[in-house]
Amino acid sequence: SPSPVVRGYCVCAVAVTCDLARRFVQYERIGADVTMKCGAMDWDAAVTWTVNGSDIDESHLNGSYLVLRNVHLGHSGQYSCYEGSSWHLKYQTFLKVGTPPKEPVLMCRSNNYPKRFYCSWHLPSPTYVPNTFNISVIHGTREMVCEKEAVPKNRCHIRYLQLFSTVKYKVTLTVTNALGRNSTTITFDEFAIVKPDPPENVVAKPVPYSPRRLEVRWNNPSSWPDPESFPLKFFLRYRPLILDQWQHVELSDGTSHTITDAYAGKEYIIQVAAKDNDIGTWSDWSVAVHATPWTEEPKYLTTEAQAPETTTSSTSSFVPPPTTKICDQEKVVGSGAVAVAVSWAAGLVLAAAGVLFI
């Protein structure tokens, strides 16, 4: 059998060779000093040690014993001991260096009330060795079954046996590995753990001809089983990308809202959260969507108005203004008056001549 320093399990593949070559999985804490014996070989026997097939320097040997000081993760591997120059395998172990578990983090939540709730857990830091988790759920004096999932492995579900109960739930999680164990316990009311999933399919669109409006629509989370009997209310937040401050609107019913105070032409980011009308806490925020209010299309000038002015091209549609000044027009008018006066005088002369002839 291995020395007291060695903690592990014999995993011999062939039983008849176990007495000649014992194969163990050996767990050691980070920072520990580790001594390995070469099976039943005497202390002063001539042996050779390897790790992952590579020879180990003799400076790590104390007689036939292998001594590793202040082990770290890099010391993990398969160690083998051979007798003298014959290279006859006498002992083999797989060393795994790690830590005992710290107090686990445990959380319970109901995202599909009133059907059931689930509990999930994780360790605050890795142990680098295999861990075993055991969970106990007690409601009053009754122990409940926590149905574990294949994926993810750190979660199990509990079906409600009695709704609207004032009796607290008590959940205890214990984690164990070859180097130690730890546990944590939480207690809670039924209503305290109700937390829906975020709303789904959030869509935001501009409102035509309304430069300060955005229409937002969404769906209830698909995991919420009965929105008719257990309706949800919603919390909408939005802001233009150019600002860091959110604006908020709480909605008691419905799955749509029209934002009426958006900045014209500015892109907005929008999210929605959900909560049971009476119990529990708000969901996480939905996936963010982006939208920009309606903007009037620019009115482009016509091709004719854009044509360059010119008087040299015979094909130009441009007509130059008249060059005659106003004062020239007066001269023209004055010349006409003189002509009229002359004609009137001539008429008088002819009339007088007629009288003489008579």
Protein backbone atom coordinates (compact mmCIF):
# COMPACT_ATOMS: atom_id res chain seq x y z
CA SER A 1 0.00 0.00 0.00
CA PRO A 2 1.15 3.61 -0.56
CA SER A 3 2.74 5.69 2.19
CA PRO A 4 0.52 7.92 4.35
CA VAL A 5 1.71 10.92 2.32
CA VAL A 6 0.13 9.44 -0.78
CA ARG A 7 -3.63 9.87 -1.05
CA GLY A 8 -5.21 8.14 -3.98
CA TYR A 9 -6.92 5.15 -5.46
CA CYS A 10 -5.52 2.07 -7.15
CA VAL A 11 -6.65 2.02 -10.77
CA CYS A 12 -4.84 -1.14 -11.92
CA ALA A 13 -5.93 -2.16 -15.37
CA VAL A 14 -4.57 -5.69 -14.97
CA ALA A 15 -5.09 -7.21 -11.53
CA VAL A 16 -2.20 -9.72 -11.73
CA THR A 17 0.34 -6.96 -12.19
CA CYS A 18 -0.86 -4.79 -9.31
CA ASP A 19 1.66 -6.26 -6.93
CA LEU A 20 4.50 -5.29 -9.28
CA ALA A 21 3.31 -1.95 -10.57
CA ARG A 22 0.77 -0.07 -8.51
CA ARG A 23 -0.94 2.73 -10.39
CA PHE A 24 -2.56 5.47 -8.33
CA VAL A 25 -4.17 8.86 -8.75
CA GLN A 26 -2.55 11.02 -6.11
CA TYR A 27 -3.94 14.44 -5.09
CA GLU A 28 -1.79 17.06 -3.39
CA ARG A 29 -2.36 20.66 -2.37
CA ILE A 30 -0.54 23.49 -4.08
CA GLY A 31 2.51 24.40 -1.96
CA ALA A 32 2.83 21.00 -0.26
CA ASP A 33 5.98 18.86 -0.08
CA VAL A 34 5.36 15.46 -1.67
CA THR A 35 7.30 12.23 -1.12
CA MET A 36 6.70 9.20 -3.35
CA LYS A 37 7.96 5.69 -2.55
CA CYS A 38 8.90 3.32 -5.32
CA GLY A 39 6.36 0.71 -4.38
CA ALA A 40 7.88 -1.90 -2.04
CA MET A 41 11.48 -1.14 -3.05
CA ASP A 42 13.97 -0.55 -0.24
CA TRP A 43 15.11 2.97 0.50
CA ASP A 44 18.62 2.27 -0.77
CA ALA A 45 17.53 0.40 -3.90
CA ALA A 46 18.76 1.66 -7.26
CA VAL A 47 15.77 3.14 -9.10
CA THR A 48 14.96 5.55 -11.92
CA TRP A 49 12.04 8.01 -11.85
CA THR A 50 10.30 9.59 -14.86
CA VAL A 51 7.49 12.10 -15.28
CA ASN A 52 5.42 11.90 -18.44
CA GLY A 53 8.16 9.69 -19.92
CA SER A 54 11.07 12.06 -19.18
CA ASP A 55 13.83 11.25 -16.68
CA ILE A 56 13.82 13.12 -13.38
CA ASP A 57 17.13 14.53 -12.15
CA GLU A 58 18.70 12.59 -9.26
CA SER A 59 18.80 15.76 -7.16
CA HIS A 60 15.10 15.14 -6.45
CA LEU A 61 15.80 11.68 -5.00
CA ASN A 62 16.27 10.70 -1.37
CA GLY A 63 17.47 7.14 -1.78
CA SER A 64 14.75 5.50 -3.83
CA TYR A 65 12.19 8.08 -2.71
CA LEU A 66 11.16 10.95 -5.00
CA VAL A 67 10.83 14.27 -3.13
CA LEU A 68 9.03 17.26 -4.66
CA ARG A 69 9.17 20.54 -2.73
CA ASN A 70 6.45 23.21 -2.81
CA VAL A 71 4.51 21.58 -5.64
CA HIS A 72 2.54 23.69 -8.13
CA LEU A 73 0.25 22.98 -11.06
CA GLY A 74 3.23 22.27 -13.31
CA HIS A 75 4.09 19.22 -11.20
CA SER A 76 0.88 17.46 -12.25
CA GLY A 77 1.58 14.44 -14.45
CA GLN A 78 2.27 10.71 -14.56
CA TYR A 79 5.20 9.57 -12.38
CA SER A 80 6.80 6.17 -12.88
CA CYS A 81 9.49 4.32 -10.92
CA TYR A 82 11.69 1.60 -12.52
CA GLU A 83 13.99 -0.91 -10.86
CA GLY A 84 17.71 -0.32 -11.56
CA SER A 85 19.01 -0.75 -15.07
CA SER A 86 16.41 -3.38 -15.94
CA TRP A 87 13.78 -0.70 -16.31
CA HIS A 88 11.24 -2.99 -14.68
CA LEU A 89 8.21 -0.86 -13.72
CA LYS A 90 7.68 -1.03 -9.97
CA TYR A 91 5.34 1.87 -9.25
CA GLN A 92 3.24 4.40 -11.13
CA THR A 93 0.98 7.27 -10.04
CA PHE A 94 -0.75 10.20 -11.66
CA LEU A 95 -0.14 13.29 -9.54
CA LYS A 96 -2.84 15.97 -9.58
CA VAL A 97 -2.04 19.21 -7.81
CA GLY A 98 -4.89 21.48 -6.74
CA THR A 99 -6.73 23.10 -3.86
CA PRO A 100 -9.62 22.22 -1.55
CA PRO A 101 -12.87 23.96 -2.54
CA LYS A 102 -13.79 27.37 -1.20
CA GLU A 103 -17.34 28.16 -0.13
CA PRO A 104 -19.52 27.68 -3.24
CA VAL A 105 -21.77 30.40 -4.66
CA LEU A 106 -25.42 29.28 -4.70
CA MET A 107 -28.38 31.01 -6.38
CA CYS A 108 -32.05 30.02 -6.77
CA ARG A 109 -34.49 31.65 -9.19
CA SER A 110 -37.91 31.15 -10.75
CA ASN A 111 -38.09 32.39 -14.35
CA ASN A 112 -41.24 30.42 -15.21
CA TYR A 113 -43.41 30.95 -12.16
CA PRO A 114 -45.60 29.23 -11.04
CA LYS A 115 -44.30 26.00 -12.54
CA ARG A 116 -40.94 25.56 -10.83
CA PHE A 117 -37.69 27.16 -9.82
CA TYR A 118 -34.07 26.21 -10.31
CA CYS A 119 -30.88 26.44 -8.29
CA SER A 120 -27.44 26.87 -9.83
CA TRP A 121 -23.99 27.07 -8.34
CA HIS A 122 -20.32 27.62 -9.05
CA LEU A 123 -17.04 27.84 -7.19
CA PRO A 124 -15.45 31.27 -6.69
CA SER A 125 -12.10 29.87 -7.83
CA PRO A 126 -10.94 26.67 -9.58
CA THR A 127 -9.62 23.71 -7.63
CA TYR A 128 -7.88 22.02 -10.62
CA VAL A 129 -9.10 18.63 -9.36
CA PRO A 130 -12.50 16.91 -9.73
CA ASN A 131 -15.31 18.14 -7.46
CA THR A 132 -18.56 16.51 -6.37
CA PHE A 133 -21.64 18.63 -5.57
CA ASN A 134 -24.57 17.57 -3.41
CA ILE A 135 -27.66 19.76 -3.01
CA SER A 136 -30.45 19.52 -0.46
CA VAL A 137 -33.77 21.42 -0.74
CA ILE A 138 -36.11 21.51 2.25
CA HIS A 139 -39.52 23.21 2.42
CA GLY A 140 -40.63 23.28 6.03
CA THR A 141 -40.02 19.71 7.13
CA ARG A 142 -40.28 18.20 3.67
CA GLU A 143 -37.25 17.43 1.53
CA MET A 144 -37.82 18.11 -2.17
CA VAL A 145 -36.27 16.52 -5.23
CA CYS A 146 -33.89 18.66 -7.25
CA GLU A 147 -33.81 17.25 -10.79
CA LYS A 148 -30.34 17.72 -12.26
CA GLU A 149 -29.76 18.58 -15.88
CA ALA A 150 -27.21 17.01 -18.20
CA VAL A 151 -26.23 20.47 -19.48
CA PRO A 152 -25.39 22.61 -17.66
CA LYS A 153 -24.18 20.29 -14.92
CA ASN A 154 -24.30 22.93 -12.20
CA ARG A 155 -28.09 23.34 -12.19
CA CYS A 156 -31.17 21.47 -10.97
CA HIS A 157 -34.93 22.14 -11.00
CA ILE A 158 -37.54 21.94 -8.22
CA ARG A 159 -41.27 21.78 -8.90
CA TYR A 160 -43.57 23.85 -6.71
CA LEU A 161 -45.75 21.59 -4.60
CA GLN A 162 -47.69 24.38 -2.92
CA LEU A 163 -48.20 27.89 -4.30
CA PHE A 164 -48.49 31.07 -2.23
CA SER A 165 -46.84 29.33 0.72
CA THR A 166 -45.36 31.46 3.51
CA VAL A 167 -42.97 28.69 4.56
CA LYS A 168 -39.36 29.41 3.64
CA TYR A 169 -37.20 27.20 1.46
CA LYS A 170 -33.79 26.08 2.73
CA VAL A 171 -31.19 25.00 0.19
CA THR A 172 -27.79 23.60 1.18
CA LEU A 173 -24.99 22.88 -1.27
CA THR A 174 -21.95 20.83 -0.32
CA VAL A 175 -18.87 20.51 -2.52
CA THR A 176 -16.24 17.84 -1.94
CA ASN A 177 -12.96 16.88 -3.57
CA ALA A 178 -9.96 14.74 -2.60
CA LEU A 179 -8.38 17.70 -0.79
CA GLY A 180 -11.33 18.93 1.29
CA ARG A 181 -14.96 20.03 1.39
CA ASN A 182 -17.06 23.13 1.91
CA SER A 183 -20.75 24.11 1.92
CA THR A 184 -23.20 27.01 1.88
CA THR A 185 -26.88 27.42 2.80
CA ILE A 186 -29.49 29.96 1.70
CA THR A 187 -33.11 30.46 2.80
CA PHE A 188 -35.77 32.42 0.92
CA ASP A 189 -39.49 33.02 0.43
CA GLU A 190 -41.28 31.70 -2.62
CA PHE A 191 -41.94 35.18 -4.05
CA ALA A 192 -38.44 36.51 -3.46
CA ILE A 193 -36.84 34.40 -6.21
CA VAL A 194 -39.34 35.20 -9.00
CA LYS A 195 -37.42 36.88 -11.80
CA PRO A 196 -38.58 36.63 -15.43
CA ASP A 197 -36.24 36.35 -18.38
CA PRO A 198 -35.83 39.55 -20.45
CA PRO A 199 -38.46 40.46 -23.07
CA GLU A 200 -37.80 39.02 -26.52
CA ASN A 201 -37.88 40.26 -30.12
CA VAL A 202 -37.54 43.92 -29.21
CA VAL A 203 -38.01 46.10 -32.32
CA ALA A 204 -37.76 49.88 -32.61
CA LYS A 205 -38.83 51.81 -35.73
CA PRO A 206 -39.19 55.46 -36.72
CA VAL A 207 -42.68 56.94 -37.07
CA PRO A 208 -43.14 58.45 -40.58
CA TYR A 209 -43.31 62.26 -40.63
CA SER A 210 -42.68 62.39 -36.85
CA PRO A 211 -39.05 63.41 -36.30
CA ARG A 212 -39.24 63.00 -32.49
CA ARG A 213 -41.00 59.64 -32.26
CA LEU A 214 -39.86 56.01 -32.12
CA GLU A 215 -42.24 53.06 -31.95
CA VAL A 216 -40.98 50.20 -29.74
CA ARG A 217 -42.51 46.70 -29.64
CA TRP A 218 -41.53 43.46 -27.89
CA ASN A 219 -42.79 40.02 -26.84
CA ASN A 220 -43.21 38.42 -23.44
CA PRO A 221 -40.33 36.08 -22.56
CA SER A 222 -41.15 32.67 -24.02
CA SER A 223 -40.20 31.02 -20.69
CA TRP A 224 -43.01 32.83 -18.84
CA PRO A 225 -45.77 30.17 -18.91
CA ASP A 226 -48.99 32.07 -18.19
CA PRO A 227 -48.92 35.84 -18.88
CA GLU A 228 -52.74 35.95 -18.70
CA SER A 229 -52.92 34.73 -15.09
CA PHE A 230 -49.58 36.22 -14.06
CA PRO A 231 -49.24 39.37 -16.18
CA LEU A 232 -45.95 41.18 -16.55
CA LYS A 233 -45.18 44.86 -16.42
CA PHE A 234 -42.28 46.42 -18.28
CA PHE A 235 -39.57 49.00 -17.84
CA LEU A 236 -38.17 50.69 -20.93
CA ARG A 237 -34.97 52.69 -21.06
CA TYR A 238 -33.57 54.65 -24.00
CA ARG A 239 -30.90 57.22 -24.77
CA PRO A 240 -29.21 58.76 -27.80
CA LEU A 241 -25.75 57.39 -28.48
CA ILE A 242 -24.28 60.85 -28.01
CA LEU A 243 -25.39 60.91 -24.32
CA ASP A 244 -24.72 58.60 -21.36
CA GLN A 245 -27.89 59.36 -19.40
CA TRP A 246 -30.87 57.00 -19.80
CA GLN A 247 -34.51 58.00 -19.87
CA HIS A 248 -37.00 55.56 -18.31
CA VAL A 249 -40.66 54.64 -18.75
CA GLU A 250 -42.54 52.08 -16.63
CA LEU A 251 -45.50 50.43 -18.35
CA SER A 252 -48.20 48.58 -16.43
CA ASP A 253 -49.51 46.66 -19.43
CA GLY A 254 -49.06 46.16 -23.16
CA THR A 255 -46.00 45.21 -25.17
CA SER A 256 -45.45 48.44 -27.06
CA HIS A 257 -44.62 52.08 -26.41
CA THR A 258 -44.09 55.18 -28.52
CA ILE A 259 -41.23 57.44 -27.50
CA THR A 260 -42.29 61.04 -28.12
CA ASP A 261 -39.29 63.07 -26.93
CA ALA A 262 -36.46 61.71 -29.08
CA TYR A 263 -33.90 64.05 -30.55
CA ALA A 264 -34.53 64.44 -34.27
CA GLY A 265 -32.00 62.63 -36.44
CA LYS A 266 -30.09 61.06 -33.51
CA GLU A 267 -29.50 57.31 -33.24
CA TYR A 268 -31.00 55.77 -30.09
CA ILE A 269 -30.24 52.63 -28.06
CA ILE A 270 -33.26 50.96 -26.45
CA GLN A 271 -33.75 48.10 -23.93
CA VAL A 272 -36.70 46.60 -22.04
CA ALA A 273 -36.98 44.69 -18.72
CA ALA A 274 -39.90 42.67 -17.31
CA LYS A 275 -41.36 41.89 -13.89
CA ASP A 276 -44.37 40.13 -12.46
CA ASN A 277 -47.02 42.71 -11.60
CA ASP A 278 -47.01 41.91 -7.89
CA ILE A 279 -44.03 39.77 -6.84
CA GLY A 280 -40.36 39.19 -7.47
CA THR A 281 -37.72 41.36 -9.08
CA TRP A 282 -37.01 42.89 -12.48
CA SER A 283 -35.46 40.80 -15.21
CA ASP A 284 -32.14 41.60 -16.79
CA TRP A 285 -32.25 44.04 -19.70
CA SER A 286 -33.16 42.76 -23.13
CA VAL A 287 -30.74 42.75 -26.03
CA ALA A 288 -30.16 46.35 -27.06
CA VAL A 289 -31.70 47.61 -30.32
CA HIS A 290 -30.88 50.77 -32.26
CA ALA A 291 -33.18 53.15 -34.14
CA THR A 292 -33.16 56.69 -35.53
CA PRO A 293 -36.29 58.91 -35.74
CA TRP A 294 -37.75 59.75 -39.14
CA THR A 295 -35.81 62.34 -41.10
CA GLU A 296 -37.28 64.31 -44.03
CA GLU A 297 -35.54 63.54 -47.29
CA PRO A 298 -33.58 66.54 -48.63
CA LYS A 299 -35.13 68.40 -51.58
CA TYR A 300 -32.62 68.46 -54.44
CA LEU A 301 -32.47 71.38 -56.96
CA THR A 302 -33.66 70.74 -60.52
CA THR A 303 -31.17 70.14 -63.30
CA GLU A 304 -32.15 73.43 -65.00
CA ALA A 305 -31.58 75.45 -61.85
CA GLN A 306 -28.21 73.79 -61.40
CA ALA A 307 -27.05 74.63 -64.97
CA PRO A 308 -24.23 77.20 -65.10
CA GLU A 309 -25.11 80.66 -66.39
CA THR A 310 -23.62 81.47 -69.81
CA THR A 311 -24.39 83.70 -72.82
CA THR A 312 -22.00 82.09 -75.26
CA SER A 313 -23.73 78.76 -75.79
CA SER A 314 -26.53 78.62 -78.30
CA THR A 315 -28.03 75.61 -76.49
CA SER A 316 -28.26 77.30 -73.10
CA SER A 317 -31.74 77.84 -71.68
CA PHE A 318 -30.53 80.89 -69.80
CA VAL A 319 -32.01 84.22 -71.06
CA PRO A 320 -29.94 87.30 -70.14
CA PRO A 321 -31.82 90.26 -68.67
CA PRO A 322 -32.40 93.36 -70.90
CA THR A 323 -29.50 95.83 -70.97
CA THR A 324 -31.64 98.99 -71.59
CA LYS A 325 -31.67 101.21 -68.55
CA ILE A 326 -34.71 102.96 -67.13
CA CYS A 327 -33.35 106.38 -68.13
CA ASP A 328 -33.09 105.22 -71.76
CA GLN A 329 -36.73 104.27 -71.61
CA GLU A 330 -37.56 107.84 -70.60
CA LYS A 331 -35.68 109.14 -73.66
CA VAL A 332 -37.73 106.83 -75.81
CA VAL A 333 -40.92 108.09 -74.25
CA GLY A 334 -39.77 111.71 -74.77
CA SER A 335 -39.03 111.17 -78.48
CA GLY A 336 -42.48 109.78 -78.96
CA ALA A 337 -44.01 112.90 -77.37
CA VAL A 338 -42.16 115.20 -79.83
CA ALA A 339 -43.39 113.09 -82.77
CA VAL A 340 -46.97 113.38 -81.57
CA ALA A 341 -46.64 117.18 -81.21
CA VAL A 342 -45.30 117.53 -84.74
CA SER A 343 -48.16 115.46 -86.15
CA TRP A 344 -50.71 117.59 -84.25
CA ALA A 345 -49.19 120.86 -85.63
CA ALA A 346 -49.25 119.49 -89.17
CA GLY A 347 -52.91 118.66 -88.75
CA LEU A 348 -53.70 122.27 -87.79
CA VAL A 349 -51.93 123.62 -90.88
CA LEU A 350 -53.90 121.32 -93.19
CA ALA A 351 -57.16 122.35 -91.52
CA ALA A 352 -56.38 126.03 -91.99
CA ALA A 353 -55.57 125.47 -95.66
CA GLY A 354 -58.89 123.82 -96.15
CA VAL A 355 -60.72 126.81 -94.72
CA LEU A 356 -58.96 129.13 -97.17
CA PHE A 357 -59.93 126.97 -100.13
CA ILE A 358 -63.56 127.13 -99.02
